[in-house]
Amino acid sequence: MSLSEMVSQPQPRAVQVTIVGEGGVGKTSLAAMFPNPVYLRTEDGMESLGTNAPMAFPVAGTSQEIEEQLLMLGREDHDFRTLVIDSVSKLNIIIEQEIVAGDPKRPASINQANGGYGAGMAAAAEKHRKIKAICDQLTQYKGMNVVFIAHAETETVDQPDQDAYTRYTLKMGKRAVSHYSDDVDVVAFIKLKTMTRGNGEKLKAITDGSRIITCYPTPNHISKNRYGITGDLIFNEGSNPLADYIPALGGEQPTDQSIQQEVA
C-alpha cells in the first residue's frame, strides 16, 4: 500500500458534545435543538420541553438498562441522528450505588467500596469508559451525534506552577470526568449572563435572564472545542448557536452502518 493510498483529507463526521451547567439554564433544551434527537434518560427532566419534546426511552434505573438501550440504537435501523444522555451526572450516581451495593462488605460510600484507596472510584470510571465506548461506536458506525448532559459542581484546581483556584466541572467522580471532557469534540458550559451592581464590598450579582455558552478554554469552568470557537455564544430559546460552527449539525446525515459487536 502506498502513501497516497494511506493519506487522505479528513471528512466531516458526527460530533460528540458535553453540555454542562447548573439547574434550569437550558441544558436539556439545547440538546433538543440537535438534529432529530432521541433521549436516554437517567432522570425525568424533559417537562420543560412540553408537547415539542423529542422521542425518549423510559427513564433507566440501572446502568445495564442504559447499555441495553445504547446497543438497541446500534443494532436496529432508525432515523435518529442524535443521541442525548440526560444526564451522565445521575448515571454516575446510579453506577456508584451499584458498586457500593455489590460489595459484600457493605461499605458506607463509594470511597470505601472494593477495599477503599480509590478502588471504588476506579470501578465507576471503568463503567463510564465502557458506556462511552458504545457511544463512540454509535458515532463511528451509525453516524450519530452524541450529547452528554452534565450538572455542574465546583472543584479546586491546585497546579504546581500557579496559585490554587476554583472552577466549575462535571458533577461526578474525578476519574470519570475525563471520559466526557477529554475525548469529546465540544464541552459547552451554559451560564446566565451576569453583571455586578453596587459599590465597594457591597457588590451584588444581577442578571437579565439571558444565557451564554462558553466552549473555549477558561479557568472559570471546564470547556473546550475543536472548531475554532473563541468567543461566547448567545443562547436564545429554540436555537442552537453551535450549529453555525459544527458541520455535522447542519450537513447531510453520514452513512449508516450497524454496530457489529458489543464493547467488552
Protein backbone atom coordinates (compact mmCIF):
# COMPACT_ATOMS: atom_id res chain seq x y z
CA MET A 1 0.00 0.00 0.00
CA SER A 2 1.40 3.39 -1.00
CA LEU A 3 1.50 6.68 0.92
CA SER A 4 -1.09 8.21 -1.43
CA GLU A 5 -3.48 5.37 -0.59
CA MET A 6 -2.98 5.79 3.15
CA VAL A 7 -3.22 9.59 3.46
CA SER A 8 -6.46 11.49 2.80
CA GLN A 9 -8.26 14.68 3.81
CA PRO A 10 -10.39 14.09 6.97
CA GLN A 11 -14.12 14.33 6.23
CA PRO A 12 -16.80 15.93 8.45
CA ARG A 13 -18.26 13.42 10.87
CA ALA A 14 -20.85 13.26 13.62
CA VAL A 15 -19.97 15.23 16.74
CA GLN A 16 -19.81 14.44 20.45
CA VAL A 17 -20.72 17.29 22.81
CA THR A 18 -20.86 17.55 26.59
CA ILE A 19 -23.26 20.23 27.85
CA VAL A 20 -22.56 21.41 31.41
CA GLY A 21 -24.40 23.85 33.64
CA GLU A 22 -26.34 24.43 36.81
CA GLY A 23 -30.00 23.54 37.07
CA GLY A 24 -32.50 25.41 34.92
CA VAL A 25 -30.08 27.04 32.46
CA GLY A 26 -31.39 25.10 29.44
CA LYS A 27 -29.12 22.08 29.02
CA THR A 28 -31.98 19.77 28.03
CA SER A 29 -33.48 22.42 25.75
CA LEU A 30 -30.19 22.96 23.92
CA ALA A 31 -29.76 19.23 23.37
CA ALA A 32 -33.26 19.11 21.85
CA MET A 33 -32.05 21.51 19.14
CA PHE A 34 -29.61 18.91 17.75
CA PRO A 35 -30.70 17.02 14.59
CA ASN A 36 -33.53 14.51 15.20
CA PRO A 37 -32.61 13.55 18.78
CA VAL A 38 -33.62 10.61 20.96
CA TYR A 39 -33.14 10.79 24.73
CA LEU A 40 -31.73 8.13 27.03
CA ARG A 41 -32.80 9.27 30.46
CA THR A 42 -31.50 8.61 33.92
CA GLU A 43 -33.70 11.42 35.25
CA ASP A 44 -37.01 12.85 34.14
CA GLY A 45 -36.09 16.37 33.09
CA MET A 46 -37.99 16.86 29.83
CA GLU A 47 -41.08 18.60 31.24
CA SER A 48 -39.76 21.99 30.14
CA LEU A 49 -39.90 20.87 26.50
CA GLY A 50 -43.67 20.44 26.65
CA THR A 51 -45.52 18.98 23.68
CA ASN A 52 -42.49 19.54 21.44
CA ALA A 53 -40.37 17.09 23.42
CA PRO A 54 -38.34 14.65 21.26
CA MET A 55 -38.67 10.89 21.42
CA ALA A 56 -37.25 9.28 24.56
CA PHE A 57 -36.63 5.91 26.16
CA PRO A 58 -38.23 5.18 29.56
CA VAL A 59 -36.22 6.52 32.48
CA ALA A 60 -33.50 3.97 33.26
CA GLY A 61 -32.86 2.90 36.82
CA THR A 62 -29.71 0.84 36.23
CA SER A 63 -26.54 1.17 34.18
CA GLN A 64 -27.42 -2.12 32.45
CA GLU A 65 -30.66 -0.59 31.13
CA ILE A 66 -28.62 2.28 29.66
CA GLU A 67 -26.23 -0.16 27.98
CA GLU A 68 -29.14 -2.17 26.55
CA GLN A 69 -30.77 0.98 25.15
CA LEU A 70 -27.46 2.06 23.59
CA LEU A 71 -26.93 -1.33 21.96
CA MET A 72 -30.51 -1.25 20.67
CA LEU A 73 -29.73 2.00 18.86
CA GLY A 74 -26.66 0.34 17.37
CA ARG A 75 -28.33 -2.83 16.15
CA GLU A 76 -31.68 -1.61 14.84
CA ASP A 77 -32.46 0.63 11.87
CA HIS A 78 -33.80 4.07 12.79
CA ASP A 79 -33.81 7.69 11.65
CA PHE A 80 -32.42 9.27 14.81
CA ARG A 81 -29.38 11.45 14.17
CA THR A 82 -28.54 12.47 17.73
CA LEU A 83 -28.34 10.53 20.98
CA VAL A 84 -28.79 12.54 24.19
CA ILE A 85 -27.89 11.04 27.57
CA ASP A 86 -29.68 13.07 30.24
CA SER A 87 -27.75 13.04 32.46
CA VAL A 88 -24.33 11.47 32.94
CA SER A 89 -24.24 13.02 36.40
CA LYS A 90 -27.25 10.99 37.52
CA LEU A 91 -25.81 7.99 35.65
CA ASN A 92 -22.72 8.37 37.83
CA ILE A 93 -24.86 8.25 40.97
CA ILE A 94 -26.52 5.06 39.71
CA ILE A 95 -23.16 3.46 38.91
CA GLU A 96 -21.68 4.33 42.29
CA GLN A 97 -24.76 2.98 44.10
CA GLU A 98 -24.46 -0.28 42.15
CA ILE A 99 -20.79 -0.64 43.08
CA VAL A 100 -21.48 0.01 46.77
CA ALA A 101 -24.45 -2.40 46.78
CA GLY A 102 -22.36 -5.08 45.04
CA ASP A 103 -19.60 -5.02 47.64
CA PRO A 104 -20.21 -7.87 50.16
CA LYS A 105 -18.59 -5.79 52.91
CA ARG A 106 -21.42 -3.24 52.60
CA PRO A 107 -19.28 -0.07 52.61
CA ALA A 108 -20.82 3.22 53.62
CA SER A 109 -19.75 5.04 50.46
CA ILE A 110 -18.01 4.69 47.12
CA ASN A 111 -14.77 5.85 48.79
CA GLN A 112 -14.78 2.68 50.90
CA ALA A 113 -16.01 0.30 48.16
CA ASN A 114 -13.85 -2.51 46.80
CA GLY A 115 -11.40 -2.14 49.66
CA GLY A 116 -11.06 1.63 49.50
CA TYR A 117 -7.96 3.52 48.35
CA GLY A 118 -9.80 4.76 45.26
CA ALA A 119 -10.77 1.28 44.01
CA GLY A 120 -14.48 2.08 44.03
CA MET A 121 -13.98 5.30 42.09
CA ALA A 122 -11.77 3.44 39.61
CA ALA A 123 -14.51 0.83 39.08
CA ALA A 124 -17.05 3.62 38.43
CA ALA A 125 -14.71 5.26 35.92
CA GLU A 126 -14.28 1.94 34.12
CA LYS A 127 -18.05 1.59 33.82
CA HIS A 128 -18.23 5.06 32.30
CA ARG A 129 -15.45 4.07 29.88
CA LYS A 130 -17.49 1.12 28.60
CA ILE A 131 -20.61 3.23 28.15
CA LYS A 132 -18.60 5.95 26.37
CA ALA A 133 -17.06 3.27 24.10
CA ILE A 134 -20.54 2.19 22.97
CA CYS A 135 -21.36 5.85 22.25
CA ASP A 136 -18.16 6.06 20.20
CA GLN A 137 -19.37 3.14 18.10
CA LEU A 138 -22.70 4.87 17.53
CA THR A 139 -20.81 7.91 16.25
CA GLN A 140 -18.44 5.88 14.08
CA TYR A 141 -20.74 3.23 12.64
CA LYS A 142 -24.20 4.82 12.84
CA GLY A 143 -23.17 8.43 12.19
CA MET A 144 -24.98 9.67 15.31
CA ASN A 145 -24.14 12.84 17.15
CA VAL A 146 -23.90 12.19 20.89
CA VAL A 147 -24.76 14.76 23.56
CA PHE A 148 -23.85 14.16 27.20
CA ILE A 149 -25.73 16.38 29.65
CA ALA A 150 -23.97 17.01 32.97
CA HIS A 151 -24.72 19.01 36.09
CA ALA A 152 -22.05 21.39 37.37
CA GLU A 153 -20.20 21.50 40.66
CA THR A 154 -17.09 23.33 41.83
CA GLU A 155 -13.60 21.90 42.33
CA THR A 156 -10.28 23.30 43.48
CA VAL A 157 -7.50 23.20 40.90
CA ASP A 158 -4.10 23.12 42.55
CA GLN A 159 -1.35 23.28 39.91
CA PRO A 160 2.37 23.26 40.71
CA ASP A 161 3.20 26.44 38.80
CA GLN A 162 0.43 28.79 39.98
CA ASP A 163 -1.91 29.58 42.85
CA ALA A 164 -4.86 27.28 43.52
CA TYR A 165 -8.22 28.40 42.14
CA THR A 166 -11.82 27.19 41.98
CA ARG A 167 -13.67 26.31 38.79
CA TYR A 168 -16.83 24.54 37.67
CA THR A 169 -16.54 20.95 36.50
CA LEU A 170 -18.83 17.97 35.82
CA LYS A 171 -20.68 16.66 38.85
CA MET A 172 -19.25 13.14 39.10
CA GLY A 173 -16.18 11.26 40.30
CA LYS A 174 -12.97 12.95 39.22
CA ARG A 175 -11.69 9.86 37.39
CA ALA A 176 -14.87 9.62 35.32
CA VAL A 177 -14.83 13.26 34.17
CA SER A 178 -12.15 12.66 31.54
CA HIS A 179 -14.43 10.37 29.51
CA TYR A 180 -16.80 13.28 28.89
CA SER A 181 -14.25 16.10 28.68
CA ASP A 182 -11.04 14.85 27.06
CA ASP A 183 -12.46 12.58 24.35
CA VAL A 184 -15.31 14.74 23.04
CA ASP A 185 -15.35 17.48 20.42
CA VAL A 186 -17.03 20.19 22.49
CA VAL A 187 -17.52 20.86 26.18
CA ALA A 188 -20.12 23.63 26.31
CA PHE A 189 -20.75 25.44 29.58
CA ILE A 190 -24.10 27.26 29.79
CA LYS A 191 -24.43 30.12 32.23
CA LEU A 192 -26.54 33.17 32.92
CA LYS A 193 -25.03 36.43 31.75
CA THR A 194 -24.33 38.32 34.97
CA MET A 195 -23.32 41.84 35.92
CA THR A 196 -22.41 43.42 39.22
CA ARG A 197 -24.12 46.35 40.91
CA GLY A 198 -23.11 48.30 43.98
CA ASN A 199 -20.05 49.94 45.47
CA GLY A 200 -17.03 48.76 47.42
CA GLU A 201 -17.55 45.45 49.19
CA LYS A 202 -21.33 45.50 48.71
CA LEU A 203 -21.37 44.23 45.15
CA LYS A 204 -24.39 42.22 44.03
CA ALA A 205 -24.55 39.90 41.01
CA ILE A 206 -27.60 40.51 38.81
CA THR A 207 -28.83 39.07 35.51
CA ASP A 208 -31.43 39.90 32.90
CA GLY A 209 -32.03 36.18 32.29
CA SER A 210 -30.04 35.96 29.06
CA ARG A 211 -27.76 32.96 28.69
CA ILE A 212 -24.41 32.42 27.05
CA ILE A 213 -22.46 29.33 26.04
CA THR A 214 -18.72 29.17 26.57
CA CYS A 215 -16.80 26.42 24.80
CA TYR A 216 -13.26 27.75 24.74
CA PRO A 217 -10.64 27.19 27.47
CA THR A 218 -11.08 29.36 30.57
CA PRO A 219 -10.04 28.97 34.21
CA ASN A 220 -13.62 29.58 35.37
CA HIS A 221 -15.01 26.24 34.22
CA ILE A 222 -14.31 23.15 32.17
CA SER A 223 -14.89 23.97 28.48
CA LYS A 224 -13.27 23.41 25.08
CA ASN A 225 -13.95 22.89 21.37
CA ARG A 226 -12.25 21.64 18.21
CA TYR A 227 -13.94 24.11 15.85
CA GLY A 228 -12.10 27.35 16.48
CA ILE A 229 -14.81 28.96 18.63
CA THR A 230 -13.06 31.67 20.65
CA GLY A 231 -15.94 33.80 21.95
CA ASP A 232 -19.12 33.39 23.99
CA LEU A 233 -22.24 32.35 22.08
CA ILE A 234 -25.66 33.85 22.77
CA PHE A 235 -28.13 31.09 23.63
CA ASN A 236 -31.72 32.03 22.78
CA GLU A 237 -34.67 29.72 23.35
CA GLY A 238 -35.33 27.49 20.35
CA SER A 239 -31.92 27.92 18.76
CA ASN A 240 -28.62 26.05 18.73
CA PRO A 241 -25.75 28.52 18.26
CA LEU A 242 -23.28 25.63 17.92
CA ALA A 243 -24.85 24.71 14.57
CA ASP A 244 -23.17 27.72 12.94
CA TYR A 245 -19.74 26.25 13.67
CA ILE A 246 -20.12 22.46 13.56
CA PRO A 247 -20.64 20.92 10.09
CA ALA A 248 -22.34 17.79 11.44
CA LEU A 249 -25.21 19.85 12.85
CA GLY A 250 -26.20 21.28 9.52
CA GLY A 251 -24.91 18.90 6.88
CA GLU A 252 -26.02 15.62 5.39
CA GLN A 253 -26.50 12.57 7.58
CA PRO A 254 -23.42 10.30 7.48
CA THR A 255 -23.67 6.80 6.04
CA ASP A 256 -25.50 4.47 8.44
CA GLN A 257 -23.86 1.22 9.44
CA SER A 258 -24.72 -1.33 12.11
CA ILE A 259 -22.59 -1.88 15.18
CA GLN A 260 -21.20 -5.37 14.73
CA GLN A 261 -20.35 -6.30 18.30
CA GLU A 262 -20.69 -5.21 21.88
CA VAL A 263 -17.89 -3.41 23.69
CA ALA A 264 -16.02 -5.76 26.02
